[in-house]
Amino acid sequence: MYRIEKIGENNFYVKVLGTFPPSVAEGFINEFGEKIKDFKNFSVIVDGVSFILLNLKSFEIILNFLKRNNEKLIKSAWIIGINPVLDKEIQILLDRAESPKRKIVHNLEDAKKWLEIEKIFIEKS
């Protein structure tokens, strides 16, 4: 399960909960892709503190999406918290996405600092 919120002009917050099977990964890619399609560039905070391990097919779906959007991405922060297994899994995903603009952080404050955001305002869409 996931939730996507616009938190600024071209900034997004994605909350990921539980498992991320391929059908959910596809739905996420379609929904988020639609939200960013008209943006020249964007930044995103992915809050995965409540996230459970990815299935291999979901991993591939997300990796392909990340690679397709390397040029548009300003920065992204992936909040993992303290979960060594998930931390390693996400690090592999980000390494394979081949972009230094993505970073694993352990809390929202570090994510805001990485994206250079002072305050988060969730906009109703």
PDB file of N, CA and C in Angstrom:
ATOM      1  N   MET A   1       0.839  -1.170   0.000  1.00  0.00           N
ATOM      2  CA  MET A   1       0.000   0.000   0.000  1.00  0.00           C
ATOM      3  C   MET A   1       0.891   1.243   0.000  1.00  0.00           C
ATOM      4  N   TYR A   2       0.400   2.323  -0.563  1.00  0.00           N
ATOM      5  CA  TYR A   2       1.173   3.559  -0.635  1.00  0.00           C
ATOM      6  C   TYR A   2       0.235   4.757  -0.684  1.00  0.00           C
ATOM      7  N   ARG A   3       0.815   5.912  -0.419  1.00  0.00           N
ATOM      8  CA  ARG A   3       0.083   7.176  -0.546  1.00  0.00           C
ATOM      9  C   ARG A   3       1.056   8.186  -1.145  1.00  0.00           C
ATOM     10  N   ILE A   4       0.612   8.958  -2.120  1.00  0.00           N
ATOM     11  CA  ILE A   4       1.441   9.976  -2.763  1.00  0.00           C
ATOM     12  C   ILE A   4       0.846  11.337  -2.454  1.00  0.00           C
ATOM     13  N   GLU A   5       1.663  12.235  -1.920  1.00  0.00           N
ATOM     14  CA  GLU A   5       1.210  13.593  -1.593  1.00  0.00           C
ATOM     15  C   GLU A   5       2.146  14.604  -2.239  1.00  0.00           C
ATOM     16  N   LYS A   6       1.585  15.668  -2.761  1.00  0.00           N
ATOM     17  CA  LYS A   6       2.373  16.786  -3.268  1.00  0.00           C
ATOM     18  C   LYS A   6       2.679  17.676  -2.069  1.00  0.00           C
ATOM     19  N   ILE A   7       3.963  17.986  -1.831  1.00  0.00           N
ATOM     20  CA  ILE A   7       4.348  18.753  -0.644  1.00  0.00           C
ATOM     21  C   ILE A   7       5.014  20.078  -0.991  1.00  0.00           C
ATOM     22  N   GLY A   8       4.912  20.485  -2.206  1.00  0.00           N
ATOM     23  CA  GLY A   8       5.498  21.745  -2.641  1.00  0.00           C
ATOM     24  C   GLY A   8       5.353  21.858  -4.141  1.00  0.00           C
ATOM     25  N   GLU A   9       5.960  22.884  -4.694  1.00  0.00           N
ATOM     26  CA  GLU A   9       5.817  23.149  -6.125  1.00  0.00           C
ATOM     27  C   GLU A   9       6.147  21.933  -6.986  1.00  0.00           C
ATOM     28  N   ASN A  10       7.287  21.319  -6.743  1.00  0.00           N
ATOM     29  CA  ASN A  10       7.667  20.131  -7.507  1.00  0.00           C
ATOM     30  C   ASN A  10       8.254  19.051  -6.586  1.00  0.00           C
ATOM     31  N   ASN A  11       7.725  18.997  -5.357  1.00  0.00           N
ATOM     32  CA  ASN A  11       8.175  18.027  -4.360  1.00  0.00           C
ATOM     33  C   ASN A  11       7.034  17.091  -3.984  1.00  0.00           C
ATOM     34  N   PHE A  12       7.382  15.827  -3.783  1.00  0.00           N
ATOM     35  CA  PHE A  12       6.392  14.817  -3.431  1.00  0.00           C
ATOM     36  C   PHE A  12       6.844  14.030  -2.209  1.00  0.00           C
ATOM     37  N   TYR A  13       5.851  13.504  -1.494  1.00  0.00           N
ATOM     38  CA  TYR A  13       6.083  12.628  -0.351  1.00  0.00           C
ATOM     39  C   TYR A  13       5.329  11.339  -0.635  1.00  0.00           C
ATOM     40  N   VAL A  14       6.041  10.222  -0.587  1.00  0.00           N
ATOM     41  CA  VAL A  14       5.432   8.919  -0.823  1.00  0.00           C
ATOM     42  C   VAL A  14       5.570   8.099   0.455  1.00  0.00           C
ATOM     43  N   LYS A  15       4.458   7.663   1.005  1.00  0.00           N
ATOM     44  CA  LYS A  15       4.439   6.806   2.194  1.00  0.00           C
ATOM     45  C   LYS A  15       4.151   5.390   1.729  1.00  0.00           C
ATOM     46  N   VAL A  16       5.057   4.466   2.047  1.00  0.00           N
ATOM     47  CA  VAL A  16       4.903   3.071   1.651  1.00  0.00           C
ATOM     48  C   VAL A  16       4.652   2.241   2.905  1.00  0.00           C
ATOM     49  N   LEU A  17       3.590   1.426   2.867  1.00  0.00           N
ATOM     50  CA  LEU A  17       3.220   0.592   4.014  1.00  0.00           C
ATOM     51  C   LEU A  17       3.154  -0.869   3.606  1.00  0.00           C
ATOM     52  N   GLY A  18       3.714  -1.730   4.413  1.00  0.00           N
ATOM     53  CA  GLY A  18       3.577  -3.165   4.194  1.00  0.00           C
ATOM     54  C   GLY A  18       4.327  -3.681   2.985  1.00  0.00           C
ATOM     55  N   THR A  19       3.739  -4.664   2.338  1.00  0.00           N
ATOM     56  CA  THR A  19       4.392  -5.302   1.191  1.00  0.00           C
ATOM     57  C   THR A  19       4.122  -4.512  -0.088  1.00  0.00           C
ATOM     58  N   PHE A  20       4.883  -4.805  -1.107  1.00  0.00           N
ATOM     59  CA  PHE A  20       4.771  -4.107  -2.381  1.00  0.00           C
ATOM     60  C   PHE A  20       4.787  -5.142  -3.504  1.00  0.00           C
ATOM     61  N   PRO A  21       3.699  -5.951  -3.640  1.00  0.00           N
ATOM     62  CA  PRO A  21       3.667  -6.953  -4.707  1.00  0.00           C
ATOM     63  C   PRO A  21       3.657  -6.269  -6.078  1.00  0.00           C
ATOM     64  N   PRO A  22       3.947  -7.020  -7.150  1.00  0.00           N
ATOM     65  CA  PRO A  22       4.010  -6.424  -8.490  1.00  0.00           C
ATOM     66  C   PRO A  22       2.772  -5.618  -8.884  1.00  0.00           C
ATOM     67  N   SER A  23       1.588  -6.069  -8.529  1.00  0.00           N
ATOM     68  CA  SER A  23       0.376  -5.324  -8.904  1.00  0.00           C
ATOM     69  C   SER A  23       0.353  -3.951  -8.230  1.00  0.00           C
ATOM     70  N   VAL A  24       0.796  -3.878  -6.989  1.00  0.00           N
ATOM     71  CA  VAL A  24       0.858  -2.599  -6.277  1.00  0.00           C
ATOM     72  C   VAL A  24       1.972  -1.740  -6.864  1.00  0.00           C
ATOM     73  N   ALA A  25       3.112  -2.355  -7.174  1.00  0.00           N
ATOM     74  CA  ALA A  25       4.228  -1.620  -7.784  1.00  0.00           C
ATOM     75  C   ALA A  25       3.794  -1.000  -9.112  1.00  0.00           C
ATOM     76  N   GLU A  26       3.079  -1.758  -9.938  1.00  0.00           N
ATOM     77  CA  GLU A  26       2.581  -1.241 -11.223  1.00  0.00           C
ATOM     78  C   GLU A  26       1.613  -0.082 -11.003  1.00  0.00           C
ATOM     79  N   GLY A  27       0.700  -0.244 -10.052  1.00  0.00           N
ATOM     80  CA  GLY A  27      -0.249   0.827  -9.742  1.00  0.00           C
ATOM     81  C   GLY A  27       0.464   2.083  -9.280  1.00  0.00           C
ATOM     82  N   PHE A  28       1.466   1.907  -8.437  1.00  0.00           N
ATOM     83  CA  PHE A  28       2.242   3.046  -7.955  1.00  0.00           C
ATOM     84  C   PHE A  28       2.946   3.750  -9.110  1.00  0.00           C
ATOM     85  N   ILE A  29       3.628   2.981  -9.954  1.00  0.00           N
ATOM     86  CA  ILE A  29       4.366   3.550 -11.091  1.00  0.00           C
ATOM     87  C   ILE A  29       3.415   4.330 -11.997  1.00  0.00           C
ATOM     88  N   ASN A  30       2.249   3.776 -12.267  1.00  0.00           N
ATOM     89  CA  ASN A  30       1.270   4.464 -13.118  1.00  0.00           C
ATOM     90  C   ASN A  30       0.774   5.755 -12.474  1.00  0.00           C
ATOM     91  N   GLU A  31       0.417   5.688 -11.194  1.00  0.00           N
ATOM     92  CA  GLU A  31      -0.110   6.869 -10.510  1.00  0.00           C
ATOM     93  C   GLU A  31       0.957   7.950 -10.351  1.00  0.00           C
ATOM     94  N   PHE A  32       2.144   7.568  -9.895  1.00  0.00           N
ATOM     95  CA  PHE A  32       3.203   8.561  -9.696  1.00  0.00           C
ATOM     96  C   PHE A  32       3.679   9.106 -11.043  1.00  0.00           C
ATOM     97  N   GLY A  33       3.782   8.241 -12.043  1.00  0.00           N
ATOM     98  CA  GLY A  33       4.164   8.681 -13.386  1.00  0.00           C
ATOM     99  C   GLY A  33       3.205   9.723 -13.935  1.00  0.00           C
ATOM    100  N   GLU A  34       1.915   9.529 -13.677  1.00  0.00           N
ATOM    101  CA  GLU A  34       0.895  10.490 -14.112  1.00  0.00           C
ATOM    102  C   GLU A  34       1.077  11.829 -13.394  1.00  0.00           C
ATOM    103  N   LYS A  35       1.408  11.781 -12.104  1.00  0.00           N
ATOM    104  CA  LYS A  35       1.571  13.016 -11.325  1.00  0.00           C
ATOM    105  C   LYS A  35       2.785  13.826 -11.771  1.00  0.00           C
ATOM    106  N   ILE A  36       3.849  13.147 -12.228  1.00  0.00           N
ATOM    107  CA  ILE A  36       5.081  13.870 -12.581  1.00  0.00           C
ATOM    108  C   ILE A  36       5.256  14.095 -14.078  1.00  0.00           C
ATOM    109  N   LYS A  37       4.342  13.602 -14.894  1.00  0.00           N
ATOM    110  CA  LYS A  37       4.546  13.644 -16.345  1.00  0.00           C
ATOM    111  C   LYS A  37       4.725  15.055 -16.905  1.00  0.00           C
ATOM    112  N   ASP A  38       4.076  16.047 -16.328  1.00  0.00           N
ATOM    113  CA  ASP A  38       4.185  17.410 -16.844  1.00  0.00           C
ATOM    114  C   ASP A  38       5.264  18.234 -16.144  1.00  0.00           C
ATOM    115  N   PHE A  39       5.978  17.616 -15.219  1.00  0.00           N
ATOM    116  CA  PHE A  39       7.043  18.326 -14.511  1.00  0.00           C
ATOM    117  C   PHE A  39       8.349  18.232 -15.282  1.00  0.00           C
ATOM    118  N   LYS A  40       9.064  19.354 -15.353  1.00  0.00           N
ATOM    119  CA  LYS A  40      10.393  19.351 -15.953  1.00  0.00           C
ATOM    120  C   LYS A  40      11.355  18.620 -15.023  1.00  0.00           C
ATOM    121  N   ASN A  41      11.167  18.830 -13.708  1.00  0.00           N
ATOM    122  CA  ASN A  41      11.972  18.134 -12.713  1.00  0.00           C
ATOM    123  C   ASN A  41      11.182  18.031 -11.412  1.00  0.00           C
ATOM    124  N   PHE A  42      11.637  17.155 -10.531  1.00  0.00           N
ATOM    125  CA  PHE A  42      10.929  16.938  -9.271  1.00  0.00           C
ATOM    126  C   PHE A  42      11.874  16.336  -8.239  1.00  0.00           C
ATOM    127  N   SER A  43      11.467  16.438  -6.973  1.00  0.00           N
ATOM    128  CA  SER A  43      12.145  15.775  -5.861  1.00  0.00           C
ATOM    129  C   SER A  43      11.107  14.954  -5.117  1.00  0.00           C
ATOM    130  N   VAL A  44      11.580  13.927  -4.414  1.00  0.00           N
ATOM    131  CA  VAL A  44      10.641  13.058  -3.699  1.00  0.00           C
ATOM    132  C   VAL A  44      11.268  12.504  -2.425  1.00  0.00           C
ATOM    133  N   ILE A  45      10.441  12.445  -1.390  1.00  0.00           N
ATOM    134  CA  ILE A  45      10.791  11.740  -0.158  1.00  0.00           C
ATOM    135  C   ILE A  45       9.979  10.451  -0.171  1.00  0.00           C
ATOM    136  N   VAL A  46      10.665   9.318  -0.073  1.00  0.00           N
ATOM    137  CA  VAL A  46       9.995   8.027   0.006  1.00  0.00           C
ATOM    138  C   VAL A  46      10.126   7.545   1.447  1.00  0.00           C
ATOM    139  N   ASP A  47       9.014   7.532   2.158  1.00  0.00           N
ATOM    140  CA  ASP A  47       9.000   7.117   3.557  1.00  0.00           C
ATOM    141  C   ASP A  47       8.700   5.627   3.616  1.00  0.00           C
ATOM    142  N   GLY A  48       9.756   4.850   3.818  1.00  0.00           N
ATOM    143  CA  GLY A  48       9.623   3.400   3.846  1.00  0.00           C
ATOM    144  C   GLY A  48       9.828   2.798   5.220  1.00  0.00           C
ATOM    145  N   VAL A  49       9.622   3.597   6.270  1.00  0.00           N
ATOM    146  CA  VAL A  49       9.818   3.097   7.631  1.00  0.00           C
ATOM    147  C   VAL A  49       8.940   1.871   7.895  1.00  0.00           C
ATOM    148  N   SER A  50       7.738   1.837   7.320  1.00  0.00           N
ATOM    149  CA  SER A  50       6.812   0.711   7.527  1.00  0.00           C
ATOM    150  C   SER A  50       6.797  -0.246   6.337  1.00  0.00           C
ATOM    151  N   PHE A  51       7.828  -0.172   5.529  1.00  0.00           N
ATOM    152  CA  PHE A  51       7.928  -0.946   4.303  1.00  0.00           C
ATOM    153  C   PHE A  51       8.492  -2.335   4.608  1.00  0.00           C
ATOM    154  N   ILE A  52       7.997  -3.342   3.889  1.00  0.00           N
ATOM    155  CA  ILE A  52       8.508  -4.703   4.012  1.00  0.00           C
ATOM    156  C   ILE A  52       9.237  -5.033   2.710  1.00  0.00           C
ATOM    157  N   LEU A  53      10.068  -6.032   2.742  1.00  0.00           N
ATOM    158  CA  LEU A  53      10.915  -6.382   1.603  1.00  0.00           C
ATOM    159  C   LEU A  53      10.181  -6.433   0.267  1.00  0.00           C
ATOM    160  N   LEU A  54      10.912  -6.069  -0.781  1.00  0.00           N
ATOM    161  CA  LEU A  54      10.378  -6.102  -2.144  1.00  0.00           C
ATOM    162  C   LEU A  54      10.441  -7.507  -2.723  1.00  0.00           C
ATOM    163  N   ASN A  55       9.482  -7.836  -3.539  1.00  0.00           N
ATOM    164  CA  ASN A  55       9.547  -9.060  -4.319  1.00  0.00           C
ATOM    165  C   ASN A  55      10.386  -8.729  -5.559  1.00  0.00           C
ATOM    166  N   LEU A  56      11.052  -9.719  -6.149  1.00  0.00           N
ATOM    167  CA  LEU A  56      11.984  -9.477  -7.250  1.00  0.00           C
ATOM    168  C   LEU A  56      11.322  -8.759  -8.424  1.00  0.00           C
ATOM    169  N   LYS A  57      10.118  -9.144  -8.792  1.00  0.00           N
ATOM    170  CA  LYS A  57       9.416  -8.494  -9.911  1.00  0.00           C
ATOM    171  C   LYS A  57       9.112  -7.032  -9.571  1.00  0.00           C
ATOM    172  N   SER A  58       8.695  -6.766  -8.330  1.00  0.00           N
ATOM    173  CA  SER A  58       8.442  -5.384  -7.895  1.00  0.00           C
ATOM    174  C   SER A  58       9.728  -4.571  -7.959  1.00  0.00           C
ATOM    175  N   PHE A  59      10.829  -5.187  -7.533  1.00  0.00           N
ATOM    176  CA  PHE A  59      12.146  -4.551  -7.572  1.00  0.00           C
ATOM    177  C   PHE A  59      12.458  -4.099  -8.998  1.00  0.00           C
ATOM    178  N   GLU A  60      12.258  -4.986  -9.967  1.00  0.00           N
ATOM    179  CA  GLU A  60      12.532  -4.670 -11.373  1.00  0.00           C
ATOM    180  C   GLU A  60      11.619  -3.556 -11.889  1.00  0.00           C
ATOM    181  N   ILE A  61      10.354  -3.581 -11.518  1.00  0.00           N
ATOM    182  CA  ILE A  61       9.393  -2.553 -11.947  1.00  0.00           C
ATOM    183  C   ILE A  61       9.836  -1.184 -11.439  1.00  0.00           C
ATOM    184  N   ILE A  62      10.180  -1.116 -10.164  1.00  0.00           N
ATOM    185  CA  ILE A  62      10.599   0.156  -9.566  1.00  0.00           C
ATOM    186  C   ILE A  62      11.932   0.608 -10.142  1.00  0.00           C
ATOM    187  N   LEU A  63      12.876  -0.318 -10.315  1.00  0.00           N
ATOM    188  CA  LEU A  63      14.182   0.028 -10.880  1.00  0.00           C
ATOM    189  C   LEU A  63      14.029   0.635 -12.273  1.00  0.00           C
ATOM    190  N   ASN A  64      13.217   0.033 -13.124  1.00  0.00           N
ATOM    191  CA  ASN A  64      13.004   0.575 -14.472  1.00  0.00           C
ATOM    192  C   ASN A  64      12.407   1.973 -14.419  1.00  0.00           C
ATOM    193  N   PHE A  65      11.464   2.191 -13.515  1.00  0.00           N
ATOM    194  CA  PHE A  65      10.862   3.514 -13.354  1.00  0.00           C
ATOM    195  C   PHE A  65      11.910   4.535 -12.897  1.00  0.00           C
ATOM    196  N   LEU A  66      12.744   4.148 -11.930  1.00  0.00           N
ATOM    197  CA  LEU A  66      13.780   5.061 -11.438  1.00  0.00           C
ATOM    198  C   LEU A  66      14.731   5.452 -12.566  1.00  0.00           C
ATOM    199  N   LYS A  67      15.171   4.476 -13.335  1.00  0.00           N
ATOM    200  CA  LYS A  67      16.104   4.753 -14.434  1.00  0.00           C
ATOM    201  C   LYS A  67      15.481   5.678 -15.478  1.00  0.00           C
ATOM    202  N   ARG A  68      14.203   5.467 -15.788  1.00  0.00           N
ATOM    203  CA  ARG A  68      13.525   6.316 -16.785  1.00  0.00           C
ATOM    204  C   ARG A  68      13.423   7.765 -16.324  1.00  0.00           C
ATOM    205  N   ASN A  69      13.472   7.989 -15.027  1.00  0.00           N
ATOM    206  CA  ASN A  69      13.283   9.339 -14.496  1.00  0.00           C
ATOM    207  C   ASN A  69      14.550   9.966 -13.925  1.00  0.00           C
ATOM    208  N   ASN A  70      15.711   9.395 -14.220  1.00  0.00           N
ATOM    209  CA  ASN A  70      16.975   9.954 -13.721  1.00  0.00           C
ATOM    210  C   ASN A  70      17.161  11.411 -14.131  1.00  0.00           C
ATOM    211  N   GLU A  71      16.818  11.743 -15.360  1.00  0.00           N
ATOM    212  CA  GLU A  71      17.036  13.107 -15.862  1.00  0.00           C
ATOM    213  C   GLU A  71      16.136  14.128 -15.178  1.00  0.00           C
ATOM    214  N   LYS A  72      14.903  13.755 -14.888  1.00  0.00           N
ATOM    215  CA  LYS A  72      13.942  14.684 -14.279  1.00  0.00           C
ATOM    216  C   LYS A  72      14.154  14.855 -12.776  1.00  0.00           C
ATOM    217  N   LEU A  73      14.823  13.890 -12.162  1.00  0.00           N
ATOM    218  CA  LEU A  73      14.969  13.892 -10.710  1.00  0.00           C
ATOM    219  C   LEU A  73      15.980  14.937 -10.246  1.00  0.00           C
ATOM    220  N   ILE A  74      15.546  15.791  -9.319  1.00  0.00           N
ATOM    221  CA  ILE A  74      16.479  16.710  -8.667  1.00  0.00           C
ATOM    222  C   ILE A  74      17.192  15.922  -7.575  1.00  0.00           C
ATOM    223  N   LYS A  75      16.413  15.422  -6.600  1.00  0.00           N
ATOM    224  CA  LYS A  75      16.940  14.580  -5.523  1.00  0.00           C
ATOM    225  C   LYS A  75      15.814  13.728  -4.967  1.00  0.00           C
ATOM    226  N   SER A  76      16.193  12.595  -4.368  1.00  0.00           N
ATOM    227  CA  SER A  76      15.219  11.806  -3.614  1.00  0.00           C
ATOM    228  C   SER A  76      15.875  11.281  -2.352  1.00  0.00           C
ATOM    229  N   ALA A  77      15.081  11.234  -1.295  1.00  0.00           N
ATOM    230  CA  ALA A  77      15.524  10.687  -0.015  1.00  0.00           C
ATOM    231  C   ALA A  77      14.633   9.501   0.308  1.00  0.00           C
ATOM    232  N   TRP A  78      15.236   8.408   0.683  1.00  0.00           N
ATOM    233  CA  TRP A  78      14.510   7.190   1.034  1.00  0.00           C
ATOM    234  C   TRP A  78      14.666   6.967   2.534  1.00  0.00           C
ATOM    235  N   ILE A  79      13.580   7.177   3.291  1.00  0.00           N
ATOM    236  CA  ILE A  79      13.615   6.998   4.740  1.00  0.00           C
ATOM    237  C   ILE A  79      13.390   5.517   5.041  1.00  0.00           C
ATOM    238  N   ILE A  80      14.399   4.893   5.625  1.00  0.00           N
ATOM    239  CA  ILE A  80      14.317   3.468   5.909  1.00  0.00           C
ATOM    240  C   ILE A  80      14.205   3.197   7.404  1.00  0.00           C
ATOM    241  N   GLY A  81      14.703   4.079   8.233  1.00  0.00           N
ATOM    242  CA  GLY A  81      14.708   3.804   9.666  1.00  0.00           C
ATOM    243  C   GLY A  81      15.808   2.813   9.971  1.00  0.00           C
ATOM    244  N   ILE A  82      15.625   2.025  10.994  1.00  0.00           N
ATOM    245  CA  ILE A  82      16.649   1.045  11.356  1.00  0.00           C
ATOM    246  C   ILE A  82      16.135  -0.337  10.982  1.00  0.00           C
ATOM    247  N   ASN A  83      16.507  -0.759   9.778  1.00  0.00           N
ATOM    248  CA  ASN A  83      16.112  -2.053   9.240  1.00  0.00           C
ATOM    249  C   ASN A  83      17.241  -2.505   8.319  1.00  0.00           C
ATOM    250  N   PRO A  84      18.260  -3.198   8.866  1.00  0.00           N
ATOM    251  CA  PRO A  84      19.446  -3.553   8.070  1.00  0.00           C
ATOM    252  C   PRO A  84      19.144  -4.293   6.776  1.00  0.00           C
ATOM    253  N   VAL A  85      18.175  -5.199   6.782  1.00  0.00           N
ATOM    254  CA  VAL A  85      17.860  -5.964   5.572  1.00  0.00           C
ATOM    255  C   VAL A  85      17.263  -5.051   4.508  1.00  0.00           C
ATOM    256  N   LEU A  86      16.275  -4.260   4.877  1.00  0.00           N
ATOM    257  CA  LEU A  86      15.650  -3.341   3.929  1.00  0.00           C
ATOM    258  C   LEU A  86      16.638  -2.270   3.488  1.00  0.00           C
ATOM    259  N   ASP A  87      17.465  -1.798   4.404  1.00  0.00           N
ATOM    260  CA  ASP A  87      18.491  -0.807   4.085  1.00  0.00           C
ATOM    261  C   ASP A  87      19.385  -1.332   2.960  1.00  0.00           C
ATOM    262  N   LYS A  88      19.815  -2.580   3.061  1.00  0.00           N
ATOM    263  CA  LYS A  88      20.672  -3.193   2.043  1.00  0.00           C
ATOM    264  C   LYS A  88      19.904  -3.352   0.727  1.00  0.00           C
ATOM    265  N   GLU A  89      18.657  -3.794   0.815  1.00  0.00           N
ATOM    266  CA  GLU A  89      17.843  -3.993  -0.385  1.00  0.00           C
ATOM    267  C   GLU A  89      17.638  -2.674  -1.139  1.00  0.00           C
ATOM    268  N   ILE A  90      17.302  -1.621  -0.422  1.00  0.00           N
ATOM    269  CA  ILE A  90      17.091  -0.314  -1.056  1.00  0.00           C
ATOM    270  C   ILE A  90      18.411   0.230  -1.590  1.00  0.00           C
ATOM    271  N   GLN A  91      19.522   0.004  -0.879  1.00  0.00           N
ATOM    272  CA  GLN A  91      20.826   0.460  -1.364  1.00  0.00           C
ATOM    273  C   GLN A  91      21.154  -0.196  -2.702  1.00  0.00           C
ATOM    274  N   ILE A  92      20.876  -1.482  -2.840  1.00  0.00           N
ATOM    275  CA  ILE A  92      21.096  -2.178  -4.115  1.00  0.00           C
ATOM    276  C   ILE A  92      20.216  -1.561  -5.198  1.00  0.00           C
ATOM    277  N   LEU A  93      18.952  -1.296  -4.886  1.00  0.00           N
ATOM    278  CA  LEU A  93      18.030  -0.673  -5.840  1.00  0.00           C
ATOM    279  C   LEU A  93      18.565   0.683  -6.295  1.00  0.00           C
ATOM    280  N   LEU A  94      19.006   1.506  -5.354  1.00  0.00           N
ATOM    281  CA  LEU A  94      19.492   2.845  -5.700  1.00  0.00           C
ATOM    282  C   LEU A  94      20.803   2.776  -6.474  1.00  0.00           C
ATOM    283  N   ASP A  95      21.683   1.845  -6.117  1.00  0.00           N
ATOM    284  CA  ASP A  95      22.936   1.677  -6.862  1.00  0.00           C
ATOM    285  C   ASP A  95      22.652   1.297  -8.307  1.00  0.00           C
ATOM    286  N   ARG A  96      21.716   0.416  -8.517  1.00  0.00           N
ATOM    287  CA  ARG A  96      21.382  -0.027  -9.876  1.00  0.00           C
ATOM    288  C   ARG A  96      20.626   1.039 -10.662  1.00  0.00           C
ATOM    289  N   ALA A  97      20.012   1.975  -9.972  1.00  0.00           N
ATOM    290  CA  ALA A  97      19.319   3.079 -10.656  1.00  0.00           C
ATOM    291  C   ALA A  97      20.322   4.072 -11.229  1.00  0.00           C
ATOM    292  N   GLU A  98      21.578   3.967 -10.812  1.00  0.00           N
ATOM    293  CA  GLU A  98      22.685   4.743 -11.377  1.00  0.00           C
ATOM    294  C   GLU A  98      22.465   6.243 -11.326  1.00  0.00           C
ATOM    295  N   SER A  99      22.176   6.754 -10.139  1.00  0.00           N
ATOM    296  CA  SER A  99      22.027   8.195  -9.967  1.00  0.00           C
ATOM    297  C   SER A  99      22.484   8.594  -8.570  1.00  0.00           C
ATOM    298  N   PRO A 100      23.432   9.523  -8.482  1.00  0.00           N
ATOM    299  CA  PRO A 100      23.894   9.988  -7.168  1.00  0.00           C
ATOM    300  C   PRO A 100      22.894  10.927  -6.491  1.00  0.00           C
ATOM    301  N   LYS A 101      21.770  11.180  -7.129  1.00  0.00           N
ATOM    302  CA  LYS A 101      20.767  12.099  -6.583  1.00  0.00           C
ATOM    303  C   LYS A 101      19.861  11.414  -5.568  1.00  0.00           C
ATOM    304  N   ARG A 102      20.036  10.114  -5.373  1.00  0.00           N
ATOM    305  CA  ARG A 102      19.199   9.345  -4.448  1.00  0.00           C
ATOM    306  C   ARG A 102      20.013   8.968  -3.220  1.00  0.00           C
ATOM    307  N   LYS A 103      19.372   9.072  -2.049  1.00  0.00           N
ATOM    308  CA  LYS A 103      20.101   8.823  -0.806  1.00  0.00           C
ATOM    309  C   LYS A 103      19.190   8.158   0.219  1.00  0.00           C
ATOM    310  N   ILE A 104      19.752   7.220   0.983  1.00  0.00           N
ATOM    311  CA  ILE A 104      19.031   6.612   2.102  1.00  0.00           C
ATOM    312  C   ILE A 104      19.272   7.472   3.333  1.00  0.00           C
ATOM    313  N   VAL A 105      18.195   7.793   4.022  1.00  0.00           N
ATOM    314  CA  VAL A 105      18.273   8.543   5.280  1.00  0.00           C
ATOM    315  C   VAL A 105      17.473   7.765   6.328  1.00  0.00           C
ATOM    316  N   HIS A 106      17.593   8.186   7.593  1.00  0.00           N
ATOM    317  CA  HIS A 106      16.939   7.417   8.650  1.00  0.00           C
ATOM    318  C   HIS A 106      15.781   8.132   9.323  1.00  0.00           C
ATOM    319  N   ASN A 107      15.499   9.378   8.899  1.00  0.00           N
ATOM    320  CA  ASN A 107      14.346  10.082   9.476  1.00  0.00           C
ATOM    321  C   ASN A 107      13.926  11.229   8.557  1.00  0.00           C
ATOM    322  N   LEU A 108      12.772  11.802   8.845  1.00  0.00           N
ATOM    323  CA  LEU A 108      12.204  12.864   8.013  1.00  0.00           C
ATOM    324  C   LEU A 108      13.070  14.118   8.019  1.00  0.00           C
ATOM    325  N   GLU A 109      13.656  14.445   9.147  1.00  0.00           N
ATOM    326  CA  GLU A 109      14.507  15.644   9.216  1.00  0.00           C
ATOM    327  C   GLU A 109      15.704  15.526   8.279  1.00  0.00           C
ATOM    328  N   ASP A 110      16.340  14.347   8.242  1.00  0.00           N
ATOM    329  CA  ASP A 110      17.464  14.137   7.324  1.00  0.00           C
ATOM    330  C   ASP A 110      16.998  14.199   5.871  1.00  0.00           C
ATOM    331  N   ALA A 111      15.803  13.694   5.600  1.00  0.00           N
ATOM    332  CA  ALA A 111      15.249  13.745   4.242  1.00  0.00           C
ATOM    333  C   ALA A 111      15.029  15.191   3.813  1.00  0.00           C
ATOM    334  N   LYS A 112      14.445  15.989   4.696  1.00  0.00           N
ATOM    335  CA  LYS A 112      14.207  17.406   4.382  1.00  0.00           C
ATOM    336  C   LYS A 112      15.531  18.131   4.148  1.00  0.00           C
ATOM    337  N   LYS A 113      16.521  17.810   4.940  1.00  0.00           N
ATOM    338  CA  LYS A 113      17.837  18.439   4.786  1.00  0.00           C
ATOM    339  C   LYS A 113      18.448  18.085   3.423  1.00  0.00           C
ATOM    340  N   TRP A 114      18.393  16.814   3.027  1.00  0.00           N
ATOM    341  CA  TRP A 114      18.944  16.356   1.751  1.00  0.00           C
ATOM    342  C   TRP A 114      18.239  17.037   0.577  1.00  0.00           C
ATOM    343  N   LEU A 115      16.914  17.195   0.665  1.00  0.00           N
ATOM    344  CA  LEU A 115      16.154  17.832  -0.408  1.00  0.00           C
ATOM    345  C   LEU A 115      16.120  19.352  -0.293  1.00  0.00           C
ATOM    346  N   GLU A 116      16.707  19.874   0.787  1.00  0.00           N
ATOM    347  CA  GLU A 116      16.747  21.316   1.044  1.00  0.00           C
ATOM    348  C   GLU A 116      15.338  21.890   1.167  1.00  0.00           C
ATOM    349  N   ILE A 117      14.511  21.186   1.946  1.00  0.00           N
ATOM    350  CA  ILE A 117      13.141  21.605   2.225  1.00  0.00           C
ATOM    351  C   ILE A 117      13.065  21.981   3.698  1.00  0.00           C
ATOM    352  N   GLU A 118      12.556  23.177   3.987  1.00  0.00           N
ATOM    353  CA  GLU A 118      12.440  23.593   5.384  1.00  0.00           C
ATOM    354  C   GLU A 118      11.170  23.059   6.026  1.00  0.00           C
ATOM    355  N   LYS A 119      10.054  23.214   5.332  1.00  0.00           N
ATOM    356  CA  LYS A 119       8.770  22.777   5.868  1.00  0.00           C
ATOM    357  C   LYS A 119       8.049  21.952   4.818  1.00  0.00           C
ATOM    358  N   ILE A 120       7.231  21.046   5.293  1.00  0.00           N
ATOM    359  CA  ILE A 120       6.425  20.227   4.394  1.00  0.00           C
ATOM    360  C   ILE A 120       4.969  20.643   4.534  1.00  0.00           C
ATOM    361  N   PHE A 121       4.370  20.983   3.403  1.00  0.00           N
ATOM    362  CA  PHE A 121       2.951  21.322   3.345  1.00  0.00           C
ATOM    363  C   PHE A 121       2.283  20.312   2.429  1.00  0.00           C
ATOM    364  N   ILE A 122       1.353  19.559   2.957  1.00  0.00           N
ATOM    365  CA  ILE A 122       0.647  18.586   2.127  1.00  0.00           C
ATOM    366  C   ILE A 122      -0.510  19.295   1.446  1.00  0.00           C
ATOM    367  N   GLU A 123      -0.484  19.276   0.112  1.00  0.00           N
ATOM    368  CA  GLU A 123      -1.509  19.943  -0.682  1.00  0.00           C
ATOM    369  C   GLU A 123      -2.595  18.947  -1.042  1.00  0.00           C
ATOM    370  N   LYS A 124      -3.828  19.344  -0.901  1.00  0.00           N
ATOM    371  CA  LYS A 124      -4.952  18.494  -1.309  1.00  0.00           C
ATOM    372  C   LYS A 124      -5.046  18.510  -2.827  1.00  0.00           C
ATOM    373  N   SER A 125      -5.215  17.323  -3.411  1.00  0.00           N
ATOM    374  CA  SER A 125      -5.340  17.295  -4.873  1.00  0.00           C
ATOM    375  C   SER A 125      -6.675  16.763  -5.306  1.00  0.00           C
TER     376      SER A 125
END
